[in-house]
Amino acid sequence: MSPLRALSLLVFPLAACANDPPYQPCGPSEPCQSETRLCLSNTLTSGAASRTVRFCSLRCTAAAAQSAECPNSGTCMRLNGGDLVCLPRCTATGDCLFPNAVCAVTPESLGQRICTVAL
């Protein structure tokens, strides 16, 4: 294989990682590749039913409905009373990139519609 061809094979995977959208789905076989490298898991249980969402995010330092710390001016909020993390804002469920998600206002979302777990 020529050196130029070997170089081009190495560059494309790196470029693809840099262009991954924030808040993408993640899990053991789908690590986070973009600027949001923290794979978060959120589970909602109601009776015998349970659903989990897993998505890439990052920590932030100040709660805000729209945070400059978060990609795409996401919401910086406490997820289930834990650490402050970035969550994607949305206008419809179709805006949410990860499975089992719904676009909704939650008590913690500072009045913003965010992508969260749904049953």
PDB file of N, CA and C in Angstrom:
ATOM      1  N   MET A   1       0.850  -1.169   0.000  1.00  0.00           N
ATOM      2  CA  MET A   1       0.000   0.000   0.000  1.00  0.00           C
ATOM      3  C   MET A   1       0.900   1.237   0.000  1.00  0.00           C
ATOM      4  N   SER A   2       0.541   2.206  -0.799  1.00  0.00           N
ATOM      5  CA  SER A   2       1.346   3.421  -0.878  1.00  0.00           C
ATOM      6  C   SER A   2       1.193   4.227   0.407  1.00  0.00           C
ATOM      7  N   PRO A   3       2.200   5.029   0.769  1.00  0.00           N
ATOM      8  CA  PRO A   3       2.112   5.848   1.988  1.00  0.00           C
ATOM      9  C   PRO A   3       0.926   6.813   1.941  1.00  0.00           C
ATOM     10  N   LEU A   4       0.610   7.369   0.767  1.00  0.00           N
ATOM     11  CA  LEU A   4      -0.505   8.308   0.654  1.00  0.00           C
ATOM     12  C   LEU A   4      -1.832   7.604   0.940  1.00  0.00           C
ATOM     13  N   ARG A   5      -1.996   6.405   0.415  1.00  0.00           N
ATOM     14  CA  ARG A   5      -3.225   5.661   0.651  1.00  0.00           C
ATOM     15  C   ARG A   5      -3.353   5.289   2.137  1.00  0.00           C
ATOM     16  N   ALA A   6      -2.277   4.891   2.776  1.00  0.00           N
ATOM     17  CA  ALA A   6      -2.309   4.562   4.199  1.00  0.00           C
ATOM     18  C   ALA A   6      -2.698   5.783   5.017  1.00  0.00           C
ATOM     19  N   LEU A   7      -2.189   6.951   4.669  1.00  0.00           N
ATOM     20  CA  LEU A   7      -2.512   8.184   5.380  1.00  0.00           C
ATOM     21  C   LEU A   7      -3.985   8.515   5.240  1.00  0.00           C
ATOM     22  N   SER A   8      -4.536   8.370   4.035  1.00  0.00           N
ATOM     23  CA  SER A   8      -5.940   8.714   3.845  1.00  0.00           C
ATOM     24  C   SER A   8      -6.845   7.776   4.650  1.00  0.00           C
ATOM     25  N   LEU A   9      -6.462   6.517   4.825  1.00  0.00           N
ATOM     26  CA  LEU A   9      -7.268   5.600   5.620  1.00  0.00           C
ATOM     27  C   LEU A   9      -7.254   5.985   7.091  1.00  0.00           C
ATOM     28  N   LEU A  10      -6.182   6.575   7.561  1.00  0.00           N
ATOM     29  CA  LEU A  10      -6.100   6.993   8.950  1.00  0.00           C
ATOM     30  C   LEU A  10      -6.828   8.300   9.203  1.00  0.00           C
ATOM     31  N   VAL A  11      -6.860   9.193   8.234  1.00  0.00           N
ATOM     32  CA  VAL A  11      -7.462  10.511   8.425  1.00  0.00           C
ATOM     33  C   VAL A  11      -8.981  10.439   8.486  1.00  0.00           C
ATOM     34  N   PHE A  12      -9.625   9.627   7.666  1.00  0.00           N
ATOM     35  CA  PHE A  12     -11.080   9.598   7.641  1.00  0.00           C
ATOM     36  C   PHE A  12     -11.709   9.173   8.961  1.00  0.00           C
ATOM     37  N   PRO A  13     -11.230   8.125   9.643  1.00  0.00           N
ATOM     38  CA  PRO A  13     -11.842   7.807  10.937  1.00  0.00           C
ATOM     39  C   PRO A  13     -11.689   8.928  11.954  1.00  0.00           C
ATOM     40  N   LEU A  14     -10.570   9.624  11.949  1.00  0.00           N
ATOM     41  CA  LEU A  14     -10.371  10.729  12.893  1.00  0.00           C
ATOM     42  C   LEU A  14     -11.317  11.874  12.584  1.00  0.00           C
ATOM     43  N   ALA A  15     -11.511  12.172  11.303  1.00  0.00           N
ATOM     44  CA  ALA A  15     -12.418  13.250  10.923  1.00  0.00           C
ATOM     45  C   ALA A  15     -13.849  12.894  11.313  1.00  0.00           C
ATOM     46  N   ALA A  16     -14.239  11.646  11.158  1.00  0.00           N
ATOM     47  CA  ALA A  16     -15.591  11.231  11.515  1.00  0.00           C
ATOM     48  C   ALA A  16     -15.848  11.425  13.007  1.00  0.00           C
ATOM     49  N   CYS A  17     -14.867  11.130  13.852  1.00  0.00           N
ATOM     50  CA  CYS A  17     -15.044  11.318  15.294  1.00  0.00           C
ATOM     51  C   CYS A  17     -15.259  12.776  15.635  1.00  0.00           C
ATOM     52  N   ALA A  18     -14.516  13.654  14.993  1.00  0.00           N
ATOM     53  CA  ALA A  18     -14.611  15.080  15.300  1.00  0.00           C
ATOM     54  C   ALA A  18     -15.971  15.643  14.896  1.00  0.00           C
ATOM     55  N   ASN A  19     -16.656  15.012  13.929  1.00  0.00           N
ATOM     56  CA  ASN A  19     -17.925  15.535  13.445  1.00  0.00           C
ATOM     57  C   ASN A  19     -19.144  14.860  14.078  1.00  0.00           C
ATOM     58  N   ASP A  20     -18.935  13.933  15.004  1.00  0.00           N
ATOM     59  CA  ASP A  20     -20.076  13.291  15.648  1.00  0.00           C
ATOM     60  C   ASP A  20     -20.891  14.344  16.378  1.00  0.00           C
ATOM     61  N   PRO A  21     -22.226  14.225  16.336  1.00  0.00           N
ATOM     62  CA  PRO A  21     -23.039  15.216  17.045  1.00  0.00           C
ATOM     63  C   PRO A  21     -22.945  15.032  18.552  1.00  0.00           C
ATOM     64  N   PRO A  22     -23.079  16.111  19.302  1.00  0.00           N
ATOM     65  CA  PRO A  22     -23.146  15.952  20.750  1.00  0.00           C
ATOM     66  C   PRO A  22     -24.461  15.260  21.120  1.00  0.00           C
ATOM     67  N   TYR A  23     -24.516  14.692  22.290  1.00  0.00           N
ATOM     68  CA  TYR A  23     -25.712  14.034  22.830  1.00  0.00           C
ATOM     69  C   TYR A  23     -26.134  12.802  22.017  1.00  0.00           C
ATOM     70  N   GLN A  24     -25.181  12.165  21.362  1.00  0.00           N
ATOM     71  CA  GLN A  24     -25.497  10.957  20.593  1.00  0.00           C
ATOM     72  C   GLN A  24     -25.726   9.774  21.532  1.00  0.00           C
ATOM     73  N   PRO A  25     -26.339   8.676  21.033  1.00  0.00           N
ATOM     74  CA  PRO A  25     -26.494   7.484  21.870  1.00  0.00           C
ATOM     75  C   PRO A  25     -25.134   6.890  22.211  1.00  0.00           C
ATOM     76  N   CYS A  26     -25.043   6.203  23.335  1.00  0.00           N
ATOM     77  CA  CYS A  26     -23.780   5.573  23.705  1.00  0.00           C
ATOM     78  C   CYS A  26     -24.059   4.325  24.526  1.00  0.00           C
ATOM     79  N   GLY A  27     -23.037   3.569  24.777  1.00  0.00           N
ATOM     80  CA  GLY A  27     -23.122   2.347  25.567  1.00  0.00           C
ATOM     81  C   GLY A  27     -21.801   1.622  25.489  1.00  0.00           C
ATOM     82  N   PRO A  28     -21.721   0.407  26.043  1.00  0.00           N
ATOM     83  CA  PRO A  28     -20.458  -0.330  26.051  1.00  0.00           C
ATOM     84  C   PRO A  28     -19.864  -0.523  24.656  1.00  0.00           C
ATOM     85  N   SER A  29     -20.714  -0.725  23.649  1.00  0.00           N
ATOM     86  CA  SER A  29     -20.194  -0.924  22.293  1.00  0.00           C
ATOM     87  C   SER A  29     -20.259   0.352  21.457  1.00  0.00           C
ATOM     88  N   GLU A  30     -20.751   1.449  22.023  1.00  0.00           N
ATOM     89  CA  GLU A  30     -20.846   2.730  21.338  1.00  0.00           C
ATOM     90  C   GLU A  30     -20.250   3.835  22.211  1.00  0.00           C
ATOM     91  N   PRO A  31     -18.927   3.935  22.306  1.00  0.00           N
ATOM     92  CA  PRO A  31     -18.352   4.983  23.155  1.00  0.00           C
ATOM     93  C   PRO A  31     -18.588   6.372  22.558  1.00  0.00           C
ATOM     94  N   CYS A  32     -18.588   7.355  23.407  1.00  0.00           N
ATOM     95  CA  CYS A  32     -18.765   8.739  22.957  1.00  0.00           C
ATOM     96  C   CYS A  32     -17.521   9.180  22.205  1.00  0.00           C
ATOM     97  N   GLN A  33     -17.707   9.825  21.085  1.00  0.00           N
ATOM     98  CA  GLN A  33     -16.593  10.209  20.227  1.00  0.00           C
ATOM     99  C   GLN A  33     -16.448  11.716  20.060  1.00  0.00           C
ATOM    100  N   SER A  34     -17.450  12.486  20.414  1.00  0.00           N
ATOM    101  CA  SER A  34     -17.410  13.922  20.143  1.00  0.00           C
ATOM    102  C   SER A  34     -16.929  14.693  21.367  1.00  0.00           C
ATOM    103  N   GLU A  35     -17.254  15.972  21.408  1.00  0.00           N
ATOM    104  CA  GLU A  35     -16.848  16.803  22.545  1.00  0.00           C
ATOM    105  C   GLU A  35     -17.559  16.393  23.829  1.00  0.00           C
ATOM    106  N   THR A  36     -18.636  15.632  23.708  1.00  0.00           N
ATOM    107  CA  THR A  36     -19.376  15.151  24.877  1.00  0.00           C
ATOM    108  C   THR A  36     -18.975  13.704  25.131  1.00  0.00           C
ATOM    109  N   ARG A  37     -17.906  13.503  25.886  1.00  0.00           N
ATOM    110  CA  ARG A  37     -17.312  12.173  26.057  1.00  0.00           C
ATOM    111  C   ARG A  37     -17.839  11.386  27.252  1.00  0.00           C
ATOM    112  N   LEU A  38     -18.730  11.941  28.029  1.00  0.00           N
ATOM    113  CA  LEU A  38     -19.264  11.276  29.213  1.00  0.00           C
ATOM    114  C   LEU A  38     -20.548  10.534  28.827  1.00  0.00           C
ATOM    115  N   CYS A  39     -20.578   9.204  28.963  1.00  0.00           N
ATOM    116  CA  CYS A  39     -21.765   8.407  28.637  1.00  0.00           C
ATOM    117  C   CYS A  39     -22.651   8.328  29.878  1.00  0.00           C
ATOM    118  N   LEU A  40     -23.815   8.987  29.819  1.00  0.00           N
ATOM    119  CA  LEU A  40     -24.743   9.007  30.942  1.00  0.00           C
ATOM    120  C   LEU A  40     -25.872   8.018  30.722  1.00  0.00           C
ATOM    121  N   SER A  41     -26.410   7.511  31.803  1.00  0.00           N
ATOM    122  CA  SER A  41     -27.536   6.597  31.766  1.00  0.00           C
ATOM    123  C   SER A  41     -28.613   7.142  32.695  1.00  0.00           C
ATOM    124  N   ASN A  42     -29.858   7.163  32.220  1.00  0.00           N
ATOM    125  CA  ASN A  42     -30.968   7.644  33.027  1.00  0.00           C
ATOM    126  C   ASN A  42     -32.108   6.637  32.883  1.00  0.00           C
ATOM    127  N   THR A  43     -32.631   6.135  33.996  1.00  0.00           N
ATOM    128  CA  THR A  43     -33.683   5.117  33.976  1.00  0.00           C
ATOM    129  C   THR A  43     -34.946   5.649  34.633  1.00  0.00           C
ATOM    130  N   LEU A  44     -36.083   5.361  34.020  1.00  0.00           N
ATOM    131  CA  LEU A  44     -37.388   5.703  34.572  1.00  0.00           C
ATOM    132  C   LEU A  44     -38.130   4.404  34.830  1.00  0.00           C
ATOM    133  N   THR A  45     -38.650   4.236  36.043  1.00  0.00           N
ATOM    134  CA  THR A  45     -39.386   3.029  36.407  1.00  0.00           C
ATOM    135  C   THR A  45     -40.778   3.424  36.868  1.00  0.00           C
ATOM    136  N   SER A  46     -41.767   2.702  36.372  1.00  0.00           N
ATOM    137  CA  SER A  46     -43.152   2.907  36.793  1.00  0.00           C
ATOM    138  C   SER A  46     -43.792   1.534  36.924  1.00  0.00           C
ATOM    139  N   GLY A  47     -44.027   1.119  38.155  1.00  0.00           N
ATOM    140  CA  GLY A  47     -44.546  -0.229  38.390  1.00  0.00           C
ATOM    141  C   GLY A  47     -43.531  -1.257  37.928  1.00  0.00           C
ATOM    142  N   ALA A  48     -43.952  -2.168  37.063  1.00  0.00           N
ATOM    143  CA  ALA A  48     -43.047  -3.198  36.534  1.00  0.00           C
ATOM    144  C   ALA A  48     -42.306  -2.732  35.294  1.00  0.00           C
ATOM    145  N   ALA A  49     -42.719  -1.594  34.722  1.00  0.00           N
ATOM    146  CA  ALA A  49     -42.092  -1.089  33.494  1.00  0.00           C
ATOM    147  C   ALA A  49     -40.864  -0.258  33.812  1.00  0.00           C
ATOM    148  N   SER A  50     -39.854  -0.398  32.980  1.00  0.00           N
ATOM    149  CA  SER A  50     -38.614   0.352  33.169  1.00  0.00           C
ATOM    150  C   SER A  50     -37.999   0.650  31.796  1.00  0.00           C
ATOM    151  N   ARG A  51     -37.500   1.860  31.613  1.00  0.00           N
ATOM    152  CA  ARG A  51     -36.812   2.245  30.381  1.00  0.00           C
ATOM    153  C   ARG A  51     -35.568   3.027  30.730  1.00  0.00           C
ATOM    154  N   THR A  52     -34.527   2.822  29.933  1.00  0.00           N
ATOM    155  CA  THR A  52     -33.258   3.510  30.149  1.00  0.00           C
ATOM    156  C   THR A  52     -32.836   4.220  28.876  1.00  0.00           C
ATOM    157  N   VAL A  53     -32.313   5.424  29.025  1.00  0.00           N
ATOM    158  CA  VAL A  53     -31.667   6.120  27.917  1.00  0.00           C
ATOM    159  C   VAL A  53     -30.187   6.236  28.244  1.00  0.00           C
ATOM    160  N   ARG A  54     -29.357   6.152  27.230  1.00  0.00           N
ATOM    161  CA  ARG A  54     -27.908   6.345  27.368  1.00  0.00           C
ATOM    162  C   ARG A  54     -27.492   7.337  26.297  1.00  0.00           C
ATOM    163  N   PHE A  55     -26.783   8.378  26.725  1.00  0.00           N
ATOM    164  CA  PHE A  55     -26.385   9.406  25.771  1.00  0.00           C
ATOM    165  C   PHE A  55     -25.095  10.074  26.210  1.00  0.00           C
ATOM    166  N   CYS A  56     -24.407  10.636  25.249  1.00  0.00           N
ATOM    167  CA  CYS A  56     -23.149  11.338  25.511  1.00  0.00           C
ATOM    168  C   CYS A  56     -23.452  12.740  26.024  1.00  0.00           C
ATOM    169  N   SER A  57     -22.686  13.169  27.000  1.00  0.00           N
ATOM    170  CA  SER A  57     -22.860  14.497  27.577  1.00  0.00           C
ATOM    171  C   SER A  57     -21.538  14.951  28.179  1.00  0.00           C
ATOM    172  N   LEU A  58     -21.581  16.019  28.942  1.00  0.00           N
ATOM    173  CA  LEU A  58     -20.417  16.474  29.691  1.00  0.00           C
ATOM    174  C   LEU A  58     -20.885  17.220  30.924  1.00  0.00           C
ATOM    175  N   ARG A  59     -20.004  17.349  31.876  1.00  0.00           N
ATOM    176  CA  ARG A  59     -20.326  18.076  33.102  1.00  0.00           C
ATOM    177  C   ARG A  59     -20.273  19.582  32.827  1.00  0.00           C
ATOM    178  N   CYS A  60     -21.060  20.323  33.586  1.00  0.00           N
ATOM    179  CA  CYS A  60     -21.040  21.783  33.506  1.00  0.00           C
ATOM    180  C   CYS A  60     -21.009  22.312  34.936  1.00  0.00           C
ATOM    181  N   THR A  61     -20.768  23.604  35.098  1.00  0.00           N
ATOM    182  CA  THR A  61     -20.536  24.126  36.451  1.00  0.00           C
ATOM    183  C   THR A  61     -21.639  25.014  37.002  1.00  0.00           C
ATOM    184  N   ALA A  62     -22.507  25.564  36.142  1.00  0.00           N
ATOM    185  CA  ALA A  62     -23.547  26.480  36.625  1.00  0.00           C
ATOM    186  C   ALA A  62     -24.882  26.138  35.982  1.00  0.00           C
ATOM    187  N   ALA A  63     -25.885  25.841  36.796  1.00  0.00           N
ATOM    188  CA  ALA A  63     -27.209  25.532  36.273  1.00  0.00           C
ATOM    189  C   ALA A  63     -27.727  26.699  35.443  1.00  0.00           C
ATOM    190  N   ALA A  64     -28.224  26.390  34.243  1.00  0.00           N
ATOM    191  CA  ALA A  64     -28.736  27.426  33.349  1.00  0.00           C
ATOM    192  C   ALA A  64     -29.653  26.798  32.316  1.00  0.00           C
ATOM    193  N   ALA A  65     -30.729  27.514  31.969  1.00  0.00           N
ATOM    194  CA  ALA A  65     -31.663  27.022  30.967  1.00  0.00           C
ATOM    195  C   ALA A  65     -30.972  26.868  29.615  1.00  0.00           C
ATOM    196  N   GLN A  66     -30.095  27.802  29.282  1.00  0.00           N
ATOM    197  CA  GLN A  66     -29.268  27.733  28.081  1.00  0.00           C
ATOM    198  C   GLN A  66     -27.854  28.062  28.514  1.00  0.00           C
ATOM    199  N   SER A  67     -26.955  27.092  28.384  1.00  0.00           N
ATOM    200  CA  SER A  67     -25.607  27.266  28.906  1.00  0.00           C
ATOM    201  C   SER A  67     -24.574  27.321  27.795  1.00  0.00           C
ATOM    202  N   ALA A  68     -23.686  28.305  27.877  1.00  0.00           N
ATOM    203  CA  ALA A  68     -22.569  28.392  26.936  1.00  0.00           C
ATOM    204  C   ALA A  68     -21.584  27.248  27.159  1.00  0.00           C
ATOM    205  N   GLU A  69     -21.635  26.603  28.324  1.00  0.00           N
ATOM    206  CA  GLU A  69     -20.773  25.453  28.610  1.00  0.00           C
ATOM    207  C   GLU A  69     -21.214  24.201  27.846  1.00  0.00           C
ATOM    208  N   CYS A  70     -22.459  24.181  27.408  1.00  0.00           N
ATOM    209  CA  CYS A  70     -23.039  22.989  26.781  1.00  0.00           C
ATOM    210  C   CYS A  70     -23.124  23.138  25.268  1.00  0.00           C
ATOM    211  N   PRO A  71     -22.815  22.071  24.525  1.00  0.00           N
ATOM    212  CA  PRO A  71     -22.953  22.129  23.068  1.00  0.00           C
ATOM    213  C   PRO A  71     -24.380  22.503  22.668  1.00  0.00           C
ATOM    214  N   ASN A  72     -24.503  23.248  21.599  1.00  0.00           N
ATOM    215  CA  ASN A  72     -25.808  23.675  21.066  1.00  0.00           C
ATOM    216  C   ASN A  72     -26.650  24.413  22.104  1.00  0.00           C
ATOM    217  N   SER A  73     -26.012  25.156  23.000  1.00  0.00           N
ATOM    218  CA  SER A  73     -26.706  25.902  24.058  1.00  0.00           C
ATOM    219  C   SER A  73     -27.659  25.012  24.847  1.00  0.00           C
ATOM    220  N   GLY A  74     -27.185  23.810  25.183  1.00  0.00           N
ATOM    221  CA  GLY A  74     -27.987  22.869  25.959  1.00  0.00           C
ATOM    222  C   GLY A  74     -28.273  23.389  27.351  1.00  0.00           C
ATOM    223  N   THR A  75     -29.092  22.658  28.083  1.00  0.00           N
ATOM    224  CA  THR A  75     -29.450  23.019  29.448  1.00  0.00           C
ATOM    225  C   THR A  75     -28.469  22.376  30.420  1.00  0.00           C
ATOM    226  N   CYS A  76     -27.927  23.160  31.337  1.00  0.00           N
ATOM    227  CA  CYS A  76     -27.051  22.644  32.387  1.00  0.00           C
ATOM    228  C   CYS A  76     -27.916  22.442  33.622  1.00  0.00           C
ATOM    229  N   MET A  77     -28.108  21.182  34.009  1.00  0.00           N
ATOM    230  CA  MET A  77     -29.012  20.880  35.120  1.00  0.00           C
ATOM    231  C   MET A  77     -28.548  19.645  35.874  1.00  0.00           C
ATOM    232  N   ARG A  78     -29.117  19.440  37.039  1.00  0.00           N
ATOM    233  CA  ARG A  78     -28.829  18.237  37.818  1.00  0.00           C
ATOM    234  C   ARG A  78     -29.699  17.105  37.297  1.00  0.00           C
ATOM    235  N   LEU A  79     -29.062  16.025  36.908  1.00  0.00           N
ATOM    236  CA  LEU A  79     -29.791  14.855  36.428  1.00  0.00           C
ATOM    237  C   LEU A  79     -30.079  13.968  37.630  1.00  0.00           C
ATOM    238  N   ASN A  80     -31.350  13.809  37.976  1.00  0.00           N
ATOM    239  CA  ASN A  80     -31.772  13.000  39.134  1.00  0.00           C
ATOM    240  C   ASN A  80     -31.101  13.440  40.428  1.00  0.00           C
ATOM    241  N   GLY A  81     -30.932  14.731  40.613  1.00  0.00           N
ATOM    242  CA  GLY A  81     -30.346  15.260  41.836  1.00  0.00           C
ATOM    243  C   GLY A  81     -28.844  15.085  41.957  1.00  0.00           C
ATOM    244  N   GLY A  82     -28.189  14.597  40.904  1.00  0.00           N
ATOM    245  CA  GLY A  82     -26.738  14.370  40.931  1.00  0.00           C
ATOM    246  C   GLY A  82     -25.952  15.567  40.442  1.00  0.00           C
ATOM    247  N   ASP A  83     -24.845  15.295  39.789  1.00  0.00           N
ATOM    248  CA  ASP A  83     -23.971  16.347  39.276  1.00  0.00           C
ATOM    249  C   ASP A  83     -24.648  17.145  38.168  1.00  0.00           C
ATOM    250  N   LEU A  84     -24.165  18.370  37.983  1.00  0.00           N
ATOM    251  CA  LEU A  84     -24.635  19.193  36.875  1.00  0.00           C
ATOM    252  C   LEU A  84     -24.086  18.625  35.569  1.00  0.00           C
ATOM    253  N   VAL A  85     -24.967  18.397  34.603  1.00  0.00           N
ATOM    254  CA  VAL A  85     -24.576  17.878  33.296  1.00  0.00           C
ATOM    255  C   VAL A  85     -25.360  18.616  32.216  1.00  0.00           C
ATOM    256  N   CYS A  86     -24.848  18.544  31.008  1.00  0.00           N
ATOM    257  CA  CYS A  86     -25.511  19.158  29.860  1.00  0.00           C
ATOM    258  C   CYS A  86     -26.545  18.194  29.293  1.00  0.00           C
ATOM    259  N   LEU A  87     -27.723  18.715  29.019  1.00  0.00           N
ATOM    260  CA  LEU A  87     -28.774  17.950  28.361  1.00  0.00           C
ATOM    261  C   LEU A  87     -29.246  18.719  27.133  1.00  0.00           C
ATOM    262  N   PRO A  88     -29.577  18.002  26.065  1.00  0.00           N
ATOM    263  CA  PRO A  88     -30.002  18.693  24.851  1.00  0.00           C
ATOM    264  C   PRO A  88     -31.396  19.286  24.998  1.00  0.00           C
ATOM    265  N   ARG A  89     -31.547  20.525  24.529  1.00  0.00           N
ATOM    266  CA  ARG A  89     -32.873  21.133  24.453  1.00  0.00           C
ATOM    267  C   ARG A  89     -33.530  20.646  23.169  1.00  0.00           C
ATOM    268  N   CYS A  90     -34.857  20.674  23.128  1.00  0.00           N
ATOM    269  CA  CYS A  90     -35.574  20.169  21.958  1.00  0.00           C
ATOM    270  C   CYS A  90     -36.898  20.911  21.809  1.00  0.00           C
ATOM    271  N   THR A  91     -37.507  20.768  20.645  1.00  0.00           N
ATOM    272  CA  THR A  91     -38.864  21.282  20.434  1.00  0.00           C
ATOM    273  C   THR A  91     -39.847  20.141  20.196  1.00  0.00           C
ATOM    274  N   ALA A  92     -39.321  18.975  19.763  1.00  0.00           N
ATOM    275  CA  ALA A  92     -40.152  17.792  19.517  1.00  0.00           C
ATOM    276  C   ALA A  92     -39.321  16.543  19.789  1.00  0.00           C
ATOM    277  N   THR A  93     -39.986  15.434  20.056  1.00  0.00           N
ATOM    278  CA  THR A  93     -39.291  14.187  20.355  1.00  0.00           C
ATOM    279  C   THR A  93     -38.357  13.777  19.213  1.00  0.00           C
ATOM    280  N   GLY A  94     -38.695  14.108  17.984  1.00  0.00           N
ATOM    281  CA  GLY A  94     -37.841  13.795  16.841  1.00  0.00           C
ATOM    282  C   GLY A  94     -36.474  14.463  16.905  1.00  0.00           C
ATOM    283  N   ASP A  95     -36.322  15.504  17.720  1.00  0.00           N
ATOM    284  CA  ASP A  95     -35.033  16.181  17.892  1.00  0.00           C
ATOM    285  C   ASP A  95     -34.073  15.361  18.749  1.00  0.00           C
ATOM    286  N   CYS A  96     -34.585  14.410  19.507  1.00  0.00           N
ATOM    287  CA  CYS A  96     -33.768  13.613  20.434  1.00  0.00           C
ATOM    288  C   CYS A  96     -33.098  12.471  19.681  1.00  0.00           C
ATOM    289  N   LEU A  97     -31.778  12.392  19.781  1.00  0.00           N
ATOM    290  CA  LEU A  97     -31.002  11.448  18.982  1.00  0.00           C
ATOM    291  C   LEU A  97     -30.899  10.054  19.586  1.00  0.00           C
ATOM    292  N   PHE A  98     -31.257   9.869  20.847  1.00  0.00           N
ATOM    293  CA  PHE A  98     -31.044   8.576  21.479  1.00  0.00           C
ATOM    294  C   PHE A  98     -32.369   7.837  21.699  1.00  0.00           C
ATOM    295  N   PRO A  99     -32.348   6.484  21.635  1.00  0.00           N
ATOM    296  CA  PRO A  99     -33.562   5.675  21.797  1.00  0.00           C
ATOM    297  C   PRO A  99     -34.215   5.872  23.165  1.00  0.00           C
ATOM    298  N   ASN A 100     -35.546   5.676  23.204  1.00  0.00           N
ATOM    299  CA  ASN A 100     -36.370   5.770  24.416  1.00  0.00           C
ATOM    300  C   ASN A 100     -36.496   7.187  24.944  1.00  0.00           C
ATOM    301  N   ALA A 101     -36.134   8.179  24.169  1.00  0.00           N
ATOM    302  CA  ALA A 101     -36.180   9.564  24.640  1.00  0.00           C
ATOM    303  C   ALA A 101     -37.490  10.231  24.231  1.00  0.00           C
ATOM    304  N   VAL A 102     -37.850  11.229  24.992  1.00  0.00           N
ATOM    305  CA  VAL A 102     -39.004  12.070  24.691  1.00  0.00           C
ATOM    306  C   VAL A 102     -38.605  13.513  24.994  1.00  0.00           C
ATOM    307  N   CYS A 103     -39.169  14.440  24.252  1.00  0.00           N
ATOM    308  CA  CYS A 103     -38.925  15.864  24.483  1.00  0.00           C
ATOM    309  C   CYS A 103     -39.976  16.357  25.472  1.00  0.00           C
ATOM    310  N   ALA A 104     -39.542  16.819  26.650  1.00  0.00           N
ATOM    311  CA  ALA A 104     -40.493  17.216  27.695  1.00  0.00           C
ATOM    312  C   ALA A 104     -39.859  18.205  28.659  1.00  0.00           C
ATOM    313  N   VAL A 105     -40.706  18.904  29.382  1.00  0.00           N
ATOM    314  CA  VAL A 105     -40.266  19.750  30.495  1.00  0.00           C
ATOM    315  C   VAL A 105     -40.309  18.871  31.745  1.00  0.00           C
ATOM    316  N   THR A 106     -39.229  18.883  32.526  1.00  0.00           N
ATOM    317  CA  THR A 106     -39.186  18.125  33.773  1.00  0.00           C
ATOM    318  C   THR A 106     -39.026  19.108  34.936  1.00  0.00           C
ATOM    319  N   PRO A 107     -39.242  18.661  36.170  1.00  0.00           N
ATOM    320  CA  PRO A 107     -39.058  19.569  37.311  1.00  0.00           C
ATOM    321  C   PRO A 107     -37.642  20.149  37.397  1.00  0.00           C
ATOM    322  N   GLU A 108     -36.645  19.409  36.896  1.00  0.00           N
ATOM    323  CA  GLU A 108     -35.250  19.859  36.986  1.00  0.00           C
ATOM    324  C   GLU A 108     -34.774  20.655  35.770  1.00  0.00           C
ATOM    325  N   SER A 109     -35.595  20.757  34.706  1.00  0.00           N
ATOM    326  CA  SER A 109     -35.094  21.307  33.439  1.00  0.00           C
ATOM    327  C   SER A 109     -35.181  22.827  33.314  1.00  0.00           C
ATOM    328  N   LEU A 110     -35.435  23.514  34.404  1.00  0.00           N
ATOM    329  CA  LEU A 110     -35.431  24.981  34.435  1.00  0.00           C
ATOM    330  C   LEU A 110     -36.377  25.580  33.395  1.00  0.00           C
ATOM    331  N   GLY A 111     -37.516  24.911  33.193  1.00  0.00           N
ATOM    332  CA  GLY A 111     -38.527  25.400  32.257  1.00  0.00           C
ATOM    333  C   GLY A 111     -38.263  25.074  30.799  1.00  0.00           C
ATOM    334  N   GLN A 112     -37.164  24.409  30.506  1.00  0.00           N
ATOM    335  CA  GLN A 112     -36.810  24.084  29.126  1.00  0.00           C
ATOM    336  C   GLN A 112     -37.311  22.700  28.740  1.00  0.00           C
ATOM    337  N   ARG A 113     -37.689  22.543  27.473  1.00  0.00           N
ATOM    338  CA  ARG A 113     -37.985  21.216  26.942  1.00  0.00           C
ATOM    339  C   ARG A 113     -36.644  20.550  26.658  1.00  0.00           C
ATOM    340  N   ILE A 114     -36.437  19.381  27.245  1.00  0.00           N
ATOM    341  CA  ILE A 114     -35.180  18.647  27.079  1.00  0.00           C
ATOM    342  C   ILE A 114     -35.476  17.213  26.635  1.00  0.00           C
ATOM    343  N   CYS A 115     -34.465  16.557  26.099  1.00  0.00           N
ATOM    344  CA  CYS A 115     -34.571  15.145  25.770  1.00  0.00           C
ATOM    345  C   CYS A 115     -34.348  14.356  27.059  1.00  0.00           C
ATOM    346  N   THR A 116     -35.338  13.549  27.409  1.00  0.00           N
ATOM    347  CA  THR A 116     -35.279  12.779  28.642  1.00  0.00           C
ATOM    348  C   THR A 116     -35.875  11.402  28.406  1.00  0.00           C
ATOM    349  N   VAL A 117     -35.893  10.569  29.408  1.00  0.00           N
ATOM    350  CA  VAL A 117     -36.392   9.195  29.277  1.00  0.00           C
ATOM    351  C   VAL A 117     -37.922   9.185  29.281  1.00  0.00           C
ATOM    352  N   ALA A 118     -38.516   8.241  28.534  1.00  0.00           N
ATOM    353  CA  ALA A 118     -39.966   8.091  28.463  1.00  0.00           C
ATOM    354  C   ALA A 118     -40.353   6.634  28.597  1.00  0.00           C
ATOM    355  N   LEU A 119     -41.508   6.375  29.168  1.00  0.00           N
ATOM    356  CA  LEU A 119     -42.050   5.002  29.223  1.00  0.00           C
ATOM    357  C   LEU A 119     -43.001   4.795  28.078  1.00  0.00           C
TER     358      LEU A 119
END
